[in-house]
Amino acid sequence: MSTPMYAALDIGGTKIAGALVDEAGSVVRRVELPTPAKESEARLVSTLDAVIDALAVEPAWSAVRGLGIASAGPVDTAAGTVSPVNIPAWREFPLVESVRSHHALPGTIEPVLLGDAVAVAAAEHWRGAARGVDNALCMVVSTGVGGGFVLGGRLYPGPSGNAGHIGHISVELDGPPCACGARGCLEAYASGTAIARHAQRAGWAPPAGVPATAAAVAVAAREGDERALAAYDRSARALAAAIAGSATLLEIEVAVIGGGVAQAGDTLFTPLRRHLRTYATLDFARRVEVRPAALAQDAGLVGAASAARRQAAVAGAAT
């Protein structure tokens, strides 16, 4: 009998990734296409289909026992719909039905949907930086900012799958408008987009031919550019306030930070830990530990596969 595999999709404002993941949580095959985030619903669906097509031609596809979808949110896991803040064409889009109808997906497989940051929490708790931790916040800091909680040793997605949507809590009462409609959201300070925008407003510019991204700002920060360093410090301070608030409310022990912005390493984590000492002042909150994600860019995929694996196990037990 062939080794069971699980298909996974990870949909965000920057990329749509897909993978085949084995029983141990290892990514066997990975594909990725840029998200046409500002284009039509049809263009988005065709990109998603192309990712699935690329997985379906793999020999291991025949061993797929389940498929998990991690999507930027908000999501509605009960309805199978998504309304990603950074993908305007998808509002209450029936993502599960769209994937279910793909010609390559066996009719016996029911896709399972979860928020992308909840998927990261599932992955990091399964085999990453939150492994063995009973109470953790796992964050994705990239084009947007999301989060997922592990509480009492179990993933806590909430009734609609949106628990941990930390990017849209306010860290500044009179802060700038956010795409979600509120003001002063964490995402408006800590996302990669926000970091690049703040650095540019301070007068920083990337070298000729280099896109103005958070990664480019990180390079400049490592070279000592004060404007770049200030942009990362601003992001770190906002993240520290949000993590401290979570520790105060829920007594989390660990905050795991992943996503593209976390790839800046000490450029982000050194000021983050410094600011956290200022915000997490109560004894029980002060103990929260910040860790970089262990699974890097594959965390969403591994978490989606984890959800598919659990669903397949439940279905198998029922029969």
C-alpha atoms as a PDB file:
ATOM      1  CA  MET A   1       0.000   0.000   0.000  1.00  0.00           C
ATOM      2  CA  SER A   2       1.326   3.451  -0.883  1.00  0.00           C
ATOM      3  CA  THR A   3       2.183   5.888   1.881  1.00  0.00           C
ATOM      4  CA  PRO A   4      -0.751   8.254   2.545  1.00  0.00           C
ATOM      5  CA  MET A   5      -0.319  11.810   1.310  1.00  0.00           C
ATOM      6  CA  TYR A   6      -2.224  14.985   2.038  1.00  0.00           C
ATOM      7  CA  ALA A   7      -2.683  17.850  -0.390  1.00  0.00           C
ATOM      8  CA  ALA A   8      -2.441  21.380   0.962  1.00  0.00           C
ATOM      9  CA  LEU A   9      -3.156  24.856  -0.383  1.00  0.00           C
ATOM     10  CA  ASP A  10      -1.983  28.115   1.178  1.00  0.00           C
ATOM     11  CA  ILE A  11      -3.650  31.239  -0.220  1.00  0.00           C
ATOM     12  CA  GLY A  12      -2.408  34.709   0.626  1.00  0.00           C
ATOM     13  CA  GLY A  13      -2.168  38.170  -0.831  1.00  0.00           C
ATOM     14  CA  THR A  14       1.277  37.492  -2.321  1.00  0.00           C
ATOM     15  CA  LYS A  15       1.233  33.828  -3.369  1.00  0.00           C
ATOM     16  CA  ILE A  16      -0.927  30.762  -3.853  1.00  0.00           C
ATOM     17  CA  ALA A  17       1.108  27.727  -2.839  1.00  0.00           C
ATOM     18  CA  GLY A  18       0.323  24.050  -2.967  1.00  0.00           C
ATOM     19  CA  ALA A  19       2.036  20.965  -1.602  1.00  0.00           C
ATOM     20  CA  LEU A  20       1.902  17.253  -1.078  1.00  0.00           C
ATOM     21  CA  VAL A  21       2.704  16.433   2.546  1.00  0.00           C
ATOM     22  CA  ASP A  22       3.396  13.019   4.049  1.00  0.00           C
ATOM     23  CA  GLU A  23       2.272  11.468   7.347  1.00  0.00           C
ATOM     24  CA  ALA A  24       5.293  12.884   9.167  1.00  0.00           C
ATOM     25  CA  GLY A  25       4.505  16.451   8.093  1.00  0.00           C
ATOM     26  CA  SER A  26       7.298  16.673   5.529  1.00  0.00           C
ATOM     27  CA  VAL A  27       6.667  18.556   2.285  1.00  0.00           C
ATOM     28  CA  VAL A  28       7.270  16.134  -0.572  1.00  0.00           C
ATOM     29  CA  ARG A  29       6.384  18.464  -3.471  1.00  0.00           C
ATOM     30  CA  ARG A  30       5.743  22.207  -3.469  1.00  0.00           C
ATOM     31  CA  VAL A  31       4.475  24.585  -6.157  1.00  0.00           C
ATOM     32  CA  GLU A  32       3.759  28.305  -6.039  1.00  0.00           C
ATOM     33  CA  LEU A  33       2.307  31.033  -8.228  1.00  0.00           C
ATOM     34  CA  PRO A  34       1.925  34.780  -7.556  1.00  0.00           C
ATOM     35  CA  THR A  35      -1.537  35.768  -6.356  1.00  0.00           C
ATOM     36  CA  PRO A  36      -3.259  38.047  -8.891  1.00  0.00           C
ATOM     37  CA  ALA A  37      -4.717  39.839  -5.873  1.00  0.00           C
ATOM     38  CA  LYS A  38      -6.037  42.900  -7.721  1.00  0.00           C
ATOM     39  CA  GLU A  39      -7.513  40.978 -10.641  1.00  0.00           C
ATOM     40  CA  SER A  40     -10.876  39.324 -11.255  1.00  0.00           C
ATOM     41  CA  GLU A  41     -12.445  36.382  -9.470  1.00  0.00           C
ATOM     42  CA  ALA A  42     -12.016  34.276 -12.612  1.00  0.00           C
ATOM     43  CA  ARG A  43      -8.295  35.066 -12.799  1.00  0.00           C
ATOM     44  CA  LEU A  44      -7.852  34.119  -9.161  1.00  0.00           C
ATOM     45  CA  VAL A  45      -9.684  30.828  -9.659  1.00  0.00           C
ATOM     46  CA  SER A  46      -7.633  29.967 -12.741  1.00  0.00           C
ATOM     47  CA  THR A  47      -4.434  30.538 -10.740  1.00  0.00           C
ATOM     48  CA  LEU A  48      -5.710  28.330  -7.928  1.00  0.00           C
ATOM     49  CA  ASP A  49      -6.648  25.631 -10.464  1.00  0.00           C
ATOM     50  CA  ALA A  50      -3.176  25.833 -12.005  1.00  0.00           C
ATOM     51  CA  VAL A  51      -1.589  25.119  -8.621  1.00  0.00           C
ATOM     52  CA  ILE A  52      -3.836  22.090  -8.110  1.00  0.00           C
ATOM     53  CA  ASP A  53      -3.089  20.915 -11.669  1.00  0.00           C
ATOM     54  CA  ALA A  54       0.636  21.063 -10.952  1.00  0.00           C
ATOM     55  CA  LEU A  55       0.183  18.817  -7.913  1.00  0.00           C
ATOM     56  CA  ALA A  56      -2.194  16.430  -9.643  1.00  0.00           C
ATOM     57  CA  VAL A  57       0.403  15.352 -12.230  1.00  0.00           C
ATOM     58  CA  GLU A  58       2.700  14.075  -9.468  1.00  0.00           C
ATOM     59  CA  PRO A  59       2.759  10.270  -9.008  1.00  0.00           C
ATOM     60  CA  ALA A  60       2.113  10.751  -5.272  1.00  0.00           C
ATOM     61  CA  TRP A  61      -1.261  12.390  -6.057  1.00  0.00           C
ATOM     62  CA  SER A  62      -2.829   8.940  -6.258  1.00  0.00           C
ATOM     63  CA  ALA A  63      -2.040   8.458  -2.568  1.00  0.00           C
ATOM     64  CA  VAL A  64      -3.803  11.685  -1.458  1.00  0.00           C
ATOM     65  CA  ARG A  65      -6.250  10.989   1.388  1.00  0.00           C
ATOM     66  CA  GLY A  66      -7.338  14.527   2.143  1.00  0.00           C
ATOM     67  CA  LEU A  67      -6.942  18.174   1.178  1.00  0.00           C
ATOM     68  CA  GLY A  68      -6.576  21.156   3.482  1.00  0.00           C
ATOM     69  CA  ILE A  69      -6.904  24.817   2.526  1.00  0.00           C
ATOM     70  CA  ALA A  70      -5.265  27.605   4.502  1.00  0.00           C
ATOM     71  CA  SER A  71      -6.568  30.991   3.383  1.00  0.00           C
ATOM     72  CA  ALA A  72      -6.063  34.598   4.315  1.00  0.00           C
ATOM     73  CA  GLY A  73      -9.159  35.812   6.096  1.00  0.00           C
ATOM     74  CA  PRO A  74     -11.632  36.472   7.322  1.00  0.00           C
ATOM     75  CA  VAL A  75     -12.857  32.959   6.624  1.00  0.00           C
ATOM     76  CA  ASP A  76     -16.113  31.178   7.421  1.00  0.00           C
ATOM     77  CA  THR A  77     -15.170  27.570   7.955  1.00  0.00           C
ATOM     78  CA  ALA A  78     -18.789  26.442   8.401  1.00  0.00           C
ATOM     79  CA  ALA A  79     -19.903  27.970   5.095  1.00  0.00           C
ATOM     80  CA  GLY A  80     -16.627  27.227   3.294  1.00  0.00           C
ATOM     81  CA  THR A  81     -16.258  30.847   2.195  1.00  0.00           C
ATOM     82  CA  VAL A  82     -13.448  33.407   2.362  1.00  0.00           C
ATOM     83  CA  SER A  83     -13.242  37.207   2.232  1.00  0.00           C
ATOM     84  CA  PRO A  84      -9.500  37.995   2.360  1.00  0.00           C
ATOM     85  CA  VAL A  85      -8.821  41.636   3.167  1.00  0.00           C
ATOM     86  CA  ASN A  86      -5.973  41.731   0.632  1.00  0.00           C
ATOM     87  CA  ILE A  87      -7.887  39.965  -2.183  1.00  0.00           C
ATOM     88  CA  PRO A  88     -10.767  42.343  -3.042  1.00  0.00           C
ATOM     89  CA  ALA A  89     -12.408  40.133  -5.705  1.00  0.00           C
ATOM     90  CA  TRP A  90     -13.128  37.401  -3.153  1.00  0.00           C
ATOM     91  CA  ARG A  91     -15.928  38.438  -0.847  1.00  0.00           C
ATOM     92  CA  GLU A  92     -17.824  35.504   0.655  1.00  0.00           C
ATOM     93  CA  PHE A  93     -16.230  33.498  -2.128  1.00  0.00           C
ATOM     94  CA  PRO A  94     -17.162  29.767  -1.972  1.00  0.00           C
ATOM     95  CA  LEU A  95     -13.585  28.548  -1.877  1.00  0.00           C
ATOM     96  CA  VAL A  96     -14.320  25.034  -0.620  1.00  0.00           C
ATOM     97  CA  GLU A  97     -16.879  24.469  -3.385  1.00  0.00           C
ATOM     98  CA  SER A  98     -14.450  25.821  -5.985  1.00  0.00           C
ATOM     99  CA  VAL A  99     -11.731  23.404  -4.886  1.00  0.00           C
ATOM    100  CA  ARG A 100     -14.185  20.515  -4.462  1.00  0.00           C
ATOM    101  CA  SER A 101     -15.300  20.900  -8.077  1.00  0.00           C
ATOM    102  CA  HIS A 102     -11.780  20.640  -9.483  1.00  0.00           C
ATOM    103  CA  HIS A 103     -11.637  17.734 -11.924  1.00  0.00           C
ATOM    104  CA  ALA A 104      -8.522  16.176 -10.379  1.00  0.00           C
ATOM    105  CA  LEU A 105      -9.901  15.911  -6.850  1.00  0.00           C
ATOM    106  CA  PRO A 106     -11.390  12.500  -6.021  1.00  0.00           C
ATOM    107  CA  GLY A 107     -15.061  12.731  -5.124  1.00  0.00           C
ATOM    108  CA  THR A 108     -14.440  10.979  -1.819  1.00  0.00           C
ATOM    109  CA  ILE A 109     -12.285  13.856  -0.538  1.00  0.00           C
ATOM    110  CA  GLU A 110     -13.948  16.760   1.250  1.00  0.00           C
ATOM    111  CA  PRO A 111     -11.681  19.820   1.439  1.00  0.00           C
ATOM    112  CA  VAL A 112     -11.240  21.318   4.905  1.00  0.00           C
ATOM    113  CA  LEU A 113     -10.810  25.091   5.298  1.00  0.00           C
ATOM    114  CA  LEU A 114      -8.981  27.042   7.976  1.00  0.00           C
ATOM    115  CA  GLY A 115      -7.519  30.514   8.303  1.00  0.00           C
ATOM    116  CA  ASP A 116      -3.908  30.790   7.182  1.00  0.00           C
ATOM    117  CA  ALA A 117      -2.616  31.864  10.569  1.00  0.00           C
ATOM    118  CA  VAL A 118      -4.625  29.136  12.320  1.00  0.00           C
ATOM    119  CA  ALA A 119      -2.900  26.731   9.916  1.00  0.00           C
ATOM    120  CA  VAL A 120       0.468  28.115  10.977  1.00  0.00           C
ATOM    121  CA  ALA A 121      -0.484  27.549  14.623  1.00  0.00           C
ATOM    122  CA  ALA A 122      -1.464  23.951  13.798  1.00  0.00           C
ATOM    123  CA  ALA A 123       1.839  23.366  12.011  1.00  0.00           C
ATOM    124  CA  GLU A 124       4.083  24.963  14.617  1.00  0.00           C
ATOM    125  CA  HIS A 125       2.310  23.060  17.382  1.00  0.00           C
ATOM    126  CA  TRP A 126       2.569  19.781  15.462  1.00  0.00           C
ATOM    127  CA  ARG A 127       6.233  19.887  14.545  1.00  0.00           C
ATOM    128  CA  GLY A 128       7.595  23.399  14.980  1.00  0.00           C
ATOM    129  CA  ALA A 129       8.489  26.098  17.494  1.00  0.00           C
ATOM    130  CA  ALA A 130       5.347  25.593  19.619  1.00  0.00           C
ATOM    131  CA  ARG A 131       5.707  21.825  19.880  1.00  0.00           C
ATOM    132  CA  GLY A 132       5.032  20.697  23.452  1.00  0.00           C
ATOM    133  CA  VAL A 133       3.657  24.139  24.429  1.00  0.00           C
ATOM    134  CA  ASP A 134       0.135  24.187  25.865  1.00  0.00           C
ATOM    135  CA  ASN A 135      -0.620  27.884  25.354  1.00  0.00           C
ATOM    136  CA  ALA A 136       0.812  29.725  22.375  1.00  0.00           C
ATOM    137  CA  LEU A 137       0.147  32.475  19.878  1.00  0.00           C
ATOM    138  CA  CYS A 138       1.504  31.810  16.400  1.00  0.00           C
ATOM    139  CA  MET A 139       1.660  34.792  14.049  1.00  0.00           C
ATOM    140  CA  VAL A 140       2.160  35.314  10.345  1.00  0.00           C
ATOM    141  CA  VAL A 141       3.711  38.696   9.559  1.00  0.00           C
ATOM    142  CA  SER A 142       3.818  39.156   5.806  1.00  0.00           C
ATOM    143  CA  THR A 143       1.631  41.078   3.322  1.00  0.00           C
ATOM    144  CA  GLY A 144      -0.881  41.014   6.164  1.00  0.00           C
ATOM    145  CA  VAL A 145      -0.711  40.042   9.832  1.00  0.00           C
ATOM    146  CA  GLY A 146      -2.621  37.080  11.221  1.00  0.00           C
ATOM    147  CA  GLY A 147      -2.528  34.789  14.200  1.00  0.00           C
ATOM    148  CA  GLY A 148      -3.764  31.524  15.633  1.00  0.00           C
ATOM    149  CA  PHE A 149      -3.972  30.254  19.198  1.00  0.00           C
ATOM    150  CA  VAL A 150      -3.181  26.975  20.885  1.00  0.00           C
ATOM    151  CA  LEU A 151      -4.938  26.956  24.254  1.00  0.00           C
ATOM    152  CA  GLY A 152      -4.841  24.119  26.745  1.00  0.00           C
ATOM    153  CA  GLY A 153      -2.797  22.067  24.285  1.00  0.00           C
ATOM    154  CA  ARG A 154      -5.408  22.262  21.527  1.00  0.00           C
ATOM    155  CA  LEU A 155      -5.810  24.423  18.451  1.00  0.00           C
ATOM    156  CA  TYR A 156      -8.485  27.076  19.051  1.00  0.00           C
ATOM    157  CA  PRO A 157      -9.913  28.328  15.724  1.00  0.00           C
ATOM    158  CA  GLY A 158     -13.091  29.807  17.245  1.00  0.00           C
ATOM    159  CA  PRO A 159     -16.686  29.302  16.055  1.00  0.00           C
ATOM    160  CA  SER A 160     -16.144  30.675  12.539  1.00  0.00           C
ATOM    161  CA  GLY A 161     -12.429  29.906  12.241  1.00  0.00           C
ATOM    162  CA  ASN A 162     -11.237  33.476  12.857  1.00  0.00           C
ATOM    163  CA  ALA A 163      -9.967  33.372  16.445  1.00  0.00           C
ATOM    164  CA  GLY A 164      -6.528  34.933  16.631  1.00  0.00           C
ATOM    165  CA  HIS A 165      -7.163  37.526  13.903  1.00  0.00           C
ATOM    166  CA  ILE A 166      -4.641  39.708  15.670  1.00  0.00           C
ATOM    167  CA  GLY A 167      -3.704  41.836  12.666  1.00  0.00           C
ATOM    168  CA  HIS A 168      -6.984  43.692  13.071  1.00  0.00           C
ATOM    169  CA  ILE A 169      -6.834  44.677  16.697  1.00  0.00           C
ATOM    170  CA  SER A 170      -6.073  48.346  17.265  1.00  0.00           C
ATOM    171  CA  VAL A 171      -2.659  49.259  18.636  1.00  0.00           C
ATOM    172  CA  GLU A 172      -3.174  53.005  18.090  1.00  0.00           C
ATOM    173  CA  LEU A 173      -6.519  54.688  18.740  1.00  0.00           C
ATOM    174  CA  ASP A 174      -5.889  57.496  16.257  1.00  0.00           C
ATOM    175  CA  GLY A 175      -3.848  55.426  13.846  1.00  0.00           C
ATOM    176  CA  PRO A 176      -4.177  55.251  10.070  1.00  0.00           C
ATOM    177  CA  PRO A 177      -7.201  53.664   8.382  1.00  0.00           C
ATOM    178  CA  CYS A 178      -6.870  49.939   7.710  1.00  0.00           C
ATOM    179  CA  ALA A 179      -8.225  48.010   4.730  1.00  0.00           C
ATOM    180  CA  CYS A 180     -10.616  46.245   7.122  1.00  0.00           C
ATOM    181  CA  GLY A 181     -12.377  49.566   7.865  1.00  0.00           C
ATOM    182  CA  ALA A 182     -11.004  50.174  11.365  1.00  0.00           C
ATOM    183  CA  ARG A 183      -8.182  52.472  12.448  1.00  0.00           C
ATOM    184  CA  GLY A 184      -4.774  51.841  13.961  1.00  0.00           C
ATOM    185  CA  CYS A 185      -4.739  48.099  13.275  1.00  0.00           C
ATOM    186  CA  LEU A 186      -1.586  46.124  13.971  1.00  0.00           C
ATOM    187  CA  GLU A 187      -1.407  45.215  10.279  1.00  0.00           C
ATOM    188  CA  ALA A 188      -1.073  48.896   9.355  1.00  0.00           C
ATOM    189  CA  TYR A 189       2.128  49.072  11.444  1.00  0.00           C
ATOM    190  CA  ALA A 190       3.713  45.634  11.326  1.00  0.00           C
ATOM    191  CA  SER A 191       3.053  44.141   7.883  1.00  0.00           C
ATOM    192  CA  GLY A 192       5.732  44.044   5.222  1.00  0.00           C
ATOM    193  CA  THR A 193       3.760  46.559   3.213  1.00  0.00           C
ATOM    194  CA  ALA A 194       3.607  48.928   6.191  1.00  0.00           C
ATOM    195  CA  ILE A 195       7.334  48.602   6.867  1.00  0.00           C
ATOM    196  CA  ALA A 196       8.249  49.506   3.280  1.00  0.00           C
ATOM    197  CA  ARG A 197       5.748  52.362   3.193  1.00  0.00           C
ATOM    198  CA  HIS A 198       6.994  53.881   6.448  1.00  0.00           C
ATOM    199  CA  ALA A 199      10.621  53.670   5.357  1.00  0.00           C
ATOM    200  CA  GLN A 200       9.831  55.377   2.047  1.00  0.00           C
ATOM    201  CA  ARG A 201       7.930  58.154   3.791  1.00  0.00           C
ATOM    202  CA  ALA A 202      11.016  58.741   5.932  1.00  0.00           C
ATOM    203  CA  GLY A 203      13.100  59.195   2.774  1.00  0.00           C
ATOM    204  CA  TRP A 204      14.500  55.700   2.224  1.00  0.00           C
ATOM    205  CA  ALA A 205      14.593  54.359  -1.308  1.00  0.00           C
ATOM    206  CA  PRO A 206      15.771  50.964  -2.575  1.00  0.00           C
ATOM    207  CA  PRO A 207      18.706  50.641  -4.964  1.00  0.00           C
ATOM    208  CA  ALA A 208      17.893  51.055  -8.650  1.00  0.00           C
ATOM    209  CA  GLY A 209      15.992  48.084  -9.995  1.00  0.00           C
ATOM    210  CA  VAL A 210      15.159  46.667  -6.548  1.00  0.00           C
ATOM    211  CA  PRO A 211      11.484  46.615  -5.485  1.00  0.00           C
ATOM    212  CA  ALA A 212      10.577  48.585  -2.369  1.00  0.00           C
ATOM    213  CA  THR A 213       9.780  45.640  -0.083  1.00  0.00           C
ATOM    214  CA  ALA A 214      10.255  44.850   3.584  1.00  0.00           C
ATOM    215  CA  ALA A 215      13.103  42.533   2.562  1.00  0.00           C
ATOM    216  CA  ALA A 216      14.878  45.436   0.859  1.00  0.00           C
ATOM    217  CA  VAL A 217      14.310  47.581   3.954  1.00  0.00           C
ATOM    218  CA  ALA A 218      15.835  44.777   6.073  1.00  0.00           C
ATOM    219  CA  VAL A 219      18.964  44.784   3.905  1.00  0.00           C
ATOM    220  CA  ALA A 220      19.284  48.535   4.385  1.00  0.00           C
ATOM    221  CA  ALA A 221      18.708  48.168   8.136  1.00  0.00           C
ATOM    222  CA  ARG A 222      21.526  45.615   8.402  1.00  0.00           C
ATOM    223  CA  GLU A 223      23.753  48.129   6.623  1.00  0.00           C
ATOM    224  CA  GLY A 224      22.916  50.718   9.287  1.00  0.00           C
ATOM    225  CA  ASP A 225      20.355  52.889   7.476  1.00  0.00           C
ATOM    226  CA  GLU A 226      18.584  54.777  10.275  1.00  0.00           C
ATOM    227  CA  ARG A 227      15.320  55.146   8.315  1.00  0.00           C
ATOM    228  CA  ALA A 228      15.189  51.401   7.674  1.00  0.00           C
ATOM    229  CA  LEU A 229      16.018  50.620  11.296  1.00  0.00           C
ATOM    230  CA  ALA A 230      13.242  52.968  12.443  1.00  0.00           C
ATOM    231  CA  ALA A 231      10.708  51.248  10.173  1.00  0.00           C
ATOM    232  CA  TYR A 232      11.513  47.863  11.711  1.00  0.00           C
ATOM    233  CA  ASP A 233      11.534  49.312  15.210  1.00  0.00           C
ATOM    234  CA  ARG A 234       8.035  50.723  14.620  1.00  0.00           C
ATOM    235  CA  SER A 235       6.815  47.341  13.437  1.00  0.00           C
ATOM    236  CA  ALA A 236       8.438  45.574  16.392  1.00  0.00           C
ATOM    237  CA  ARG A 237       6.863  47.945  18.882  1.00  0.00           C
ATOM    238  CA  ALA A 238       3.373  47.338  17.492  1.00  0.00           C
ATOM    239  CA  LEU A 239       3.937  43.584  17.545  1.00  0.00           C
ATOM    240  CA  ALA A 240       5.160  43.788  21.140  1.00  0.00           C
ATOM    241  CA  ALA A 241       2.002  45.612  22.208  1.00  0.00           C
ATOM    242  CA  ALA A 242      -0.200  42.973  20.566  1.00  0.00           C
ATOM    243  CA  ILE A 243       1.751  40.038  22.019  1.00  0.00           C
ATOM    244  CA  ALA A 244       1.728  41.585  25.497  1.00  0.00           C
ATOM    245  CA  GLY A 245      -2.036  42.073  25.238  1.00  0.00           C
ATOM    246  CA  SER A 246      -2.481  38.434  24.274  1.00  0.00           C
ATOM    247  CA  ALA A 247      -0.274  37.281  27.143  1.00  0.00           C
ATOM    248  CA  THR A 248      -2.283  39.387  29.575  1.00  0.00           C
ATOM    249  CA  LEU A 249      -5.630  38.075  28.341  1.00  0.00           C
ATOM    250  CA  LEU A 250      -4.795  34.418  27.766  1.00  0.00           C
ATOM    251  CA  GLU A 251      -1.547  33.669  29.627  1.00  0.00           C
ATOM    252  CA  ILE A 252       0.199  32.443  26.522  1.00  0.00           C
ATOM    253  CA  GLU A 253       3.645  31.033  27.210  1.00  0.00           C
ATOM    254  CA  VAL A 254       5.140  31.427  23.743  1.00  0.00           C
ATOM    255  CA  ALA A 255       4.613  33.743  20.770  1.00  0.00           C
ATOM    256  CA  VAL A 256       5.878  32.266  17.512  1.00  0.00           C
ATOM    257  CA  ILE A 257       6.526  34.715  14.663  1.00  0.00           C
ATOM    258  CA  GLY A 258       6.656  33.535  11.054  1.00  0.00           C
ATOM    259  CA  GLY A 259       5.987  34.924   7.594  1.00  0.00           C
ATOM    260  CA  GLY A 260       8.132  36.935   5.233  1.00  0.00           C
ATOM    261  CA  VAL A 261       8.851  39.788   7.654  1.00  0.00           C
ATOM    262  CA  ALA A 262      10.226  37.343  10.231  1.00  0.00           C
ATOM    263  CA  GLN A 263      12.932  36.412   7.728  1.00  0.00           C
ATOM    264  CA  ALA A 264      14.594  39.708   8.730  1.00  0.00           C
ATOM    265  CA  GLY A 265      15.876  37.850  11.803  1.00  0.00           C
ATOM    266  CA  ASP A 266      17.488  39.986  14.490  1.00  0.00           C
ATOM    267  CA  THR A 267      16.505  43.154  12.616  1.00  0.00           C
ATOM    268  CA  LEU A 268      12.976  42.392  13.806  1.00  0.00           C
ATOM    269  CA  PHE A 269      13.429  40.156  16.848  1.00  0.00           C
ATOM    270  CA  THR A 270      15.945  42.270  18.780  1.00  0.00           C
ATOM    271  CA  PRO A 271      13.726  45.391  19.002  1.00  0.00           C
ATOM    272  CA  LEU A 272      10.633  43.176  19.431  1.00  0.00           C
ATOM    273  CA  ARG A 273      12.030  41.554  22.566  1.00  0.00           C
ATOM    274  CA  ARG A 274      13.184  44.937  23.865  1.00  0.00           C
ATOM    275  CA  HIS A 275       9.751  46.520  23.414  1.00  0.00           C
ATOM    276  CA  LEU A 276       8.011  43.468  24.850  1.00  0.00           C
ATOM    277  CA  ARG A 277       9.710  44.133  28.193  1.00  0.00           C
ATOM    278  CA  THR A 278       8.000  47.544  28.200  1.00  0.00           C
ATOM    279  CA  TYR A 279       4.487  46.240  27.430  1.00  0.00           C
ATOM    280  CA  ALA A 280       4.398  42.870  29.205  1.00  0.00           C
ATOM    281  CA  THR A 281       4.832  44.105  32.757  1.00  0.00           C
ATOM    282  CA  LEU A 282       2.598  41.884  34.900  1.00  0.00           C
ATOM    283  CA  ASP A 283       4.414  38.904  36.390  1.00  0.00           C
ATOM    284  CA  PHE A 284       2.480  36.227  34.513  1.00  0.00           C
ATOM    285  CA  ALA A 285       2.665  38.104  31.192  1.00  0.00           C
ATOM    286  CA  ARG A 286       6.362  38.908  31.545  1.00  0.00           C
ATOM    287  CA  ARG A 287       7.208  35.235  31.110  1.00  0.00           C
ATOM    288  CA  VAL A 288       6.025  35.079  27.488  1.00  0.00           C
ATOM    289  CA  GLU A 289       8.810  33.969  25.168  1.00  0.00           C
ATOM    290  CA  VAL A 290       9.161  35.085  21.546  1.00  0.00           C
ATOM    291  CA  ARG A 291      10.422  32.472  19.082  1.00  0.00           C
ATOM    292  CA  PRO A 292      10.940  32.532  15.319  1.00  0.00           C
ATOM    293  CA  ALA A 293       8.797  30.044  13.440  1.00  0.00           C
ATOM    294  CA  ALA A 294      10.565  26.759  12.735  1.00  0.00           C
ATOM    295  CA  LEU A 295       8.748  25.913   9.516  1.00  0.00           C
ATOM    296  CA  ALA A 296       9.345  29.179   7.649  1.00  0.00           C
ATOM    297  CA  GLN A 297       7.386  29.495   4.407  1.00  0.00           C
ATOM    298  CA  ASP A 298       5.941  25.961   4.579  1.00  0.00           C
ATOM    299  CA  ALA A 299       4.040  26.416   7.854  1.00  0.00           C
ATOM    300  CA  GLY A 300       0.674  27.218   6.258  1.00  0.00           C
ATOM    301  CA  LEU A 301       0.940  24.205   3.982  1.00  0.00           C
ATOM    302  CA  VAL A 302       1.939  21.841   6.788  1.00  0.00           C
ATOM    303  CA  GLY A 303      -0.897  23.162   8.950  1.00  0.00           C
ATOM    304  CA  ALA A 304      -3.440  22.701   6.161  1.00  0.00           C
ATOM    305  CA  ALA A 305      -2.183  19.165   5.662  1.00  0.00           C
ATOM    306  CA  SER A 306      -2.486  18.593   9.416  1.00  0.00           C
ATOM    307  CA  ALA A 307      -6.172  19.562   9.257  1.00  0.00           C
ATOM    308  CA  ALA A 308      -6.724  17.238   6.282  1.00  0.00           C
ATOM    309  CA  ARG A 309      -4.941  14.447   8.146  1.00  0.00           C
ATOM    310  CA  ARG A 310      -7.170  14.868  11.201  1.00  0.00           C
ATOM    311  CA  GLN A 311     -10.289  14.888   9.054  1.00  0.00           C
ATOM    312  CA  ALA A 312      -9.212  11.745   7.212  1.00  0.00           C
ATOM    313  CA  ALA A 313      -8.549  10.028  10.540  1.00  0.00           C
ATOM    314  CA  VAL A 314     -12.010  10.946  11.838  1.00  0.00           C
ATOM    315  CA  ALA A 315     -13.636   9.742   8.604  1.00  0.00           C
ATOM    316  CA  GLY A 316     -11.675   6.486   8.803  1.00  0.00           C
ATOM    317  CA  ALA A 317     -12.708   5.921  12.418  1.00  0.00           C
ATOM    318  CA  ALA A 318     -16.351   6.514  11.497  1.00  0.00           C
ATOM    319  CA  THR A 319     -16.219   3.759   8.907  1.00  0.00           C
END
